[in-house]
Amino acid sequence: MSLSCTIELDYASPEEANIVLEAIAPDNKPYVEAQIEGSTLIVTSSADTPMEMLHTMEDLLSCIKIAEATFNLVR
């Protein structure tokens, strides 16, 4: 079985989306691919089992939350 998940996150600007992308980039490979379209960060992941997907998404969303919080602090 193979699973895939795509999350689209809309930001106020392409620069903000890029800041979040750069913050999560070190943890992405090989589990997650990410790209920016305009001010939207599009994150895609695949996994062999539901639990692998759950762990990947939990980790990814936690990293995104920290990146967003940090960005909001320094704004």
N, C-alpha and C. Protein backbone atom coordinates (compact mmCIF):
# COMPACT_ATOMS: atom_id res chain seq x y z
N MET A 1 0.85 -1.17 0.00
CA MET A 1 0.00 0.00 0.00
C MET A 1 0.89 1.23 0.00
N SER A 2 0.50 2.20 -0.78
CA SER A 2 1.23 3.47 -0.80
C SER A 2 0.24 4.60 -0.59
N LEU A 3 0.60 5.53 0.27
CA LEU A 3 -0.25 6.67 0.59
C LEU A 3 0.43 7.95 0.17
N SER A 4 -0.37 8.94 -0.17
CA SER A 4 0.19 10.26 -0.44
C SER A 4 -0.70 11.31 0.21
N CYS A 5 -0.08 12.43 0.55
CA CYS A 5 -0.78 13.51 1.22
C CYS A 5 -0.23 14.83 0.68
N THR A 6 -1.12 15.75 0.37
CA THR A 6 -0.72 17.08 -0.07
C THR A 6 -1.37 18.11 0.84
N ILE A 7 -0.56 19.04 1.31
CA ILE A 7 -1.05 20.13 2.16
C ILE A 7 -0.68 21.44 1.47
N GLU A 8 -1.65 22.32 1.36
CA GLU A 8 -1.41 23.64 0.79
C GLU A 8 -1.59 24.68 1.89
N LEU A 9 -0.56 25.49 2.09
CA LEU A 9 -0.58 26.51 3.13
C LEU A 9 -0.45 27.88 2.48
N ASP A 10 -1.46 28.73 2.67
CA ASP A 10 -1.46 30.06 2.09
C ASP A 10 -0.86 31.06 3.07
N TYR A 11 0.05 31.89 2.55
CA TYR A 11 0.70 32.92 3.36
C TYR A 11 0.42 34.30 2.79
N ALA A 12 0.77 35.30 3.55
CA ALA A 12 0.50 36.69 3.15
C ALA A 12 1.33 37.11 1.94
N SER A 13 2.48 36.48 1.76
CA SER A 13 3.37 36.86 0.66
C SER A 13 4.23 35.67 0.25
N PRO A 14 4.77 35.72 -0.97
CA PRO A 14 5.72 34.67 -1.39
C PRO A 14 6.95 34.62 -0.48
N GLU A 15 7.36 35.78 0.04
CA GLU A 15 8.53 35.82 0.91
C GLU A 15 8.28 35.03 2.20
N GLU A 16 7.08 35.19 2.77
CA GLU A 16 6.73 34.44 3.98
C GLU A 16 6.68 32.94 3.70
N ALA A 17 6.11 32.56 2.58
CA ALA A 17 6.06 31.14 2.20
C ALA A 17 7.48 30.60 2.04
N ASN A 18 8.37 31.39 1.45
CA ASN A 18 9.75 30.96 1.25
C ASN A 18 10.50 30.81 2.57
N ILE A 19 10.23 31.69 3.52
CA ILE A 19 10.87 31.59 4.84
C ILE A 19 10.49 30.27 5.51
N VAL A 20 9.21 29.91 5.44
CA VAL A 20 8.76 28.64 6.04
C VAL A 20 9.38 27.46 5.28
N LEU A 21 9.41 27.53 3.96
CA LEU A 21 10.01 26.47 3.16
C LEU A 21 11.47 26.26 3.54
N GLU A 22 12.23 27.34 3.66
CA GLU A 22 13.63 27.23 4.02
C GLU A 22 13.81 26.67 5.44
N ALA A 23 12.89 27.00 6.33
CA ALA A 23 12.98 26.51 7.71
C ALA A 23 12.74 25.01 7.79
N ILE A 24 11.87 24.48 6.94
CA ILE A 24 11.56 23.04 7.02
C ILE A 24 12.41 22.20 6.06
N ALA A 25 13.13 22.84 5.15
CA ALA A 25 13.88 22.12 4.13
C ALA A 25 14.86 21.08 4.66
N PRO A 26 15.62 21.34 5.72
CA PRO A 26 16.57 20.33 6.18
C PRO A 26 15.92 19.01 6.61
N ASP A 27 14.68 19.05 7.04
CA ASP A 27 14.01 17.84 7.50
C ASP A 27 13.21 17.13 6.40
N ASN A 28 13.12 17.71 5.23
CA ASN A 28 12.23 17.19 4.20
C ASN A 28 12.68 15.90 3.56
N LYS A 29 13.88 15.88 3.05
CA LYS A 29 14.34 14.74 2.24
C LYS A 29 14.49 13.50 3.09
N PRO A 30 14.15 12.36 2.65
CA PRO A 30 13.48 12.01 1.39
C PRO A 30 11.96 11.87 1.56
N TYR A 31 11.42 12.32 2.68
CA TYR A 31 10.03 12.04 3.00
C TYR A 31 9.04 13.04 2.42
N VAL A 32 9.48 14.27 2.20
CA VAL A 32 8.57 15.35 1.83
C VAL A 32 9.16 16.16 0.68
N GLU A 33 8.31 16.53 -0.25
CA GLU A 33 8.70 17.46 -1.29
C GLU A 33 7.86 18.71 -1.11
N ALA A 34 8.47 19.87 -1.32
CA ALA A 34 7.75 21.13 -1.13
C ALA A 34 8.11 22.09 -2.24
N GLN A 35 7.13 22.92 -2.59
CA GLN A 35 7.35 23.95 -3.59
C GLN A 35 6.44 25.13 -3.29
N ILE A 36 6.77 26.26 -3.89
CA ILE A 36 5.97 27.47 -3.70
C ILE A 36 5.34 27.86 -5.02
N GLU A 37 4.06 28.16 -4.95
CA GLU A 37 3.34 28.72 -6.09
C GLU A 37 2.69 30.01 -5.61
N GLY A 38 3.24 31.13 -6.03
CA GLY A 38 2.76 32.42 -5.53
C GLY A 38 3.08 32.54 -4.06
N SER A 39 2.05 32.71 -3.24
CA SER A 39 2.26 32.77 -1.78
C SER A 39 1.76 31.50 -1.10
N THR A 40 1.63 30.42 -1.86
CA THR A 40 1.18 29.14 -1.32
C THR A 40 2.33 28.15 -1.26
N LEU A 41 2.52 27.57 -0.09
CA LEU A 41 3.50 26.50 0.10
C LEU A 41 2.76 25.19 -0.08
N ILE A 42 3.21 24.37 -1.03
CA ILE A 42 2.58 23.08 -1.31
C ILE A 42 3.55 21.99 -0.88
N VAL A 43 3.08 21.17 0.04
CA VAL A 43 3.90 20.10 0.61
C VAL A 43 3.26 18.76 0.28
N THR A 44 4.05 17.86 -0.30
CA THR A 44 3.56 16.53 -0.67
C THR A 44 4.44 15.48 -0.03
N SER A 45 3.79 14.46 0.49
CA SER A 45 4.52 13.37 1.13
C SER A 45 3.93 12.04 0.69
N SER A 46 4.75 11.01 0.73
CA SER A 46 4.26 9.65 0.47
C SER A 46 4.84 8.72 1.52
N ALA A 47 4.10 7.66 1.79
CA ALA A 47 4.53 6.69 2.80
C ALA A 47 3.96 5.32 2.44
N ASP A 48 4.57 4.30 3.02
CA ASP A 48 4.11 2.94 2.77
C ASP A 48 2.98 2.51 3.68
N THR A 49 2.90 3.12 4.87
CA THR A 49 1.86 2.72 5.81
C THR A 49 1.18 3.96 6.39
N PRO A 50 -0.04 3.81 6.90
CA PRO A 50 -0.71 4.95 7.53
C PRO A 50 0.08 5.52 8.71
N MET A 51 0.72 4.68 9.50
CA MET A 51 1.48 5.17 10.65
C MET A 51 2.70 5.98 10.21
N GLU A 52 3.36 5.56 9.14
CA GLU A 52 4.48 6.33 8.62
C GLU A 52 4.00 7.72 8.19
N MET A 53 2.84 7.76 7.52
CA MET A 53 2.30 9.04 7.07
C MET A 53 1.93 9.91 8.27
N LEU A 54 1.32 9.32 9.26
CA LEU A 54 0.95 10.07 10.46
C LEU A 54 2.18 10.68 11.12
N HIS A 55 3.24 9.90 11.30
CA HIS A 55 4.45 10.41 11.93
C HIS A 55 5.11 11.50 11.09
N THR A 56 5.14 11.30 9.79
CA THR A 56 5.73 12.31 8.90
C THR A 56 4.95 13.61 8.97
N MET A 57 3.62 13.53 8.89
CA MET A 57 2.79 14.74 8.92
C MET A 57 2.84 15.43 10.28
N GLU A 58 2.84 14.66 11.35
CA GLU A 58 2.96 15.27 12.69
C GLU A 58 4.26 16.04 12.81
N ASP A 59 5.35 15.44 12.38
CA ASP A 59 6.65 16.09 12.46
C ASP A 59 6.69 17.33 11.57
N LEU A 60 6.19 17.20 10.35
CA LEU A 60 6.19 18.31 9.41
C LEU A 60 5.36 19.48 9.94
N LEU A 61 4.14 19.21 10.39
CA LEU A 61 3.28 20.28 10.87
C LEU A 61 3.84 20.94 12.13
N SER A 62 4.51 20.16 12.96
CA SER A 62 5.16 20.74 14.14
C SER A 62 6.27 21.70 13.72
N CYS A 63 7.07 21.31 12.74
CA CYS A 63 8.14 22.17 12.25
C CYS A 63 7.58 23.43 11.60
N ILE A 64 6.49 23.29 10.86
CA ILE A 64 5.86 24.45 10.22
C ILE A 64 5.32 25.40 11.28
N LYS A 65 4.71 24.86 12.31
CA LYS A 65 4.16 25.70 13.39
C LYS A 65 5.26 26.52 14.05
N ILE A 66 6.41 25.89 14.31
CA ILE A 66 7.53 26.60 14.93
C ILE A 66 8.07 27.67 13.98
N ALA A 67 8.18 27.35 12.71
CA ALA A 67 8.67 28.33 11.73
C ALA A 67 7.73 29.52 11.65
N GLU A 68 6.42 29.28 11.64
CA GLU A 68 5.44 30.36 11.58
C GLU A 68 5.49 31.21 12.86
N ALA A 69 5.60 30.56 13.99
CA ALA A 69 5.65 31.30 15.26
C ALA A 69 6.91 32.17 15.31
N THR A 70 8.02 31.64 14.86
CA THR A 70 9.26 32.41 14.85
C THR A 70 9.14 33.60 13.90
N PHE A 71 8.57 33.35 12.73
CA PHE A 71 8.39 34.44 11.77
C PHE A 71 7.51 35.53 12.37
N ASN A 72 6.44 35.16 13.04
CA ASN A 72 5.54 36.14 13.64
C ASN A 72 6.20 36.92 14.77
N LEU A 73 7.14 36.31 15.48
CA LEU A 73 7.85 37.02 16.55
C LEU A 73 8.78 38.10 16.03
N VAL A 74 9.42 37.84 14.92
CA VAL A 74 10.42 38.78 14.40
C VAL A 74 9.84 39.77 13.41
N ARG A 75 8.60 39.66 13.12
CA ARG A 75 7.95 40.56 12.18
C ARG A 75 7.93 41.96 12.64
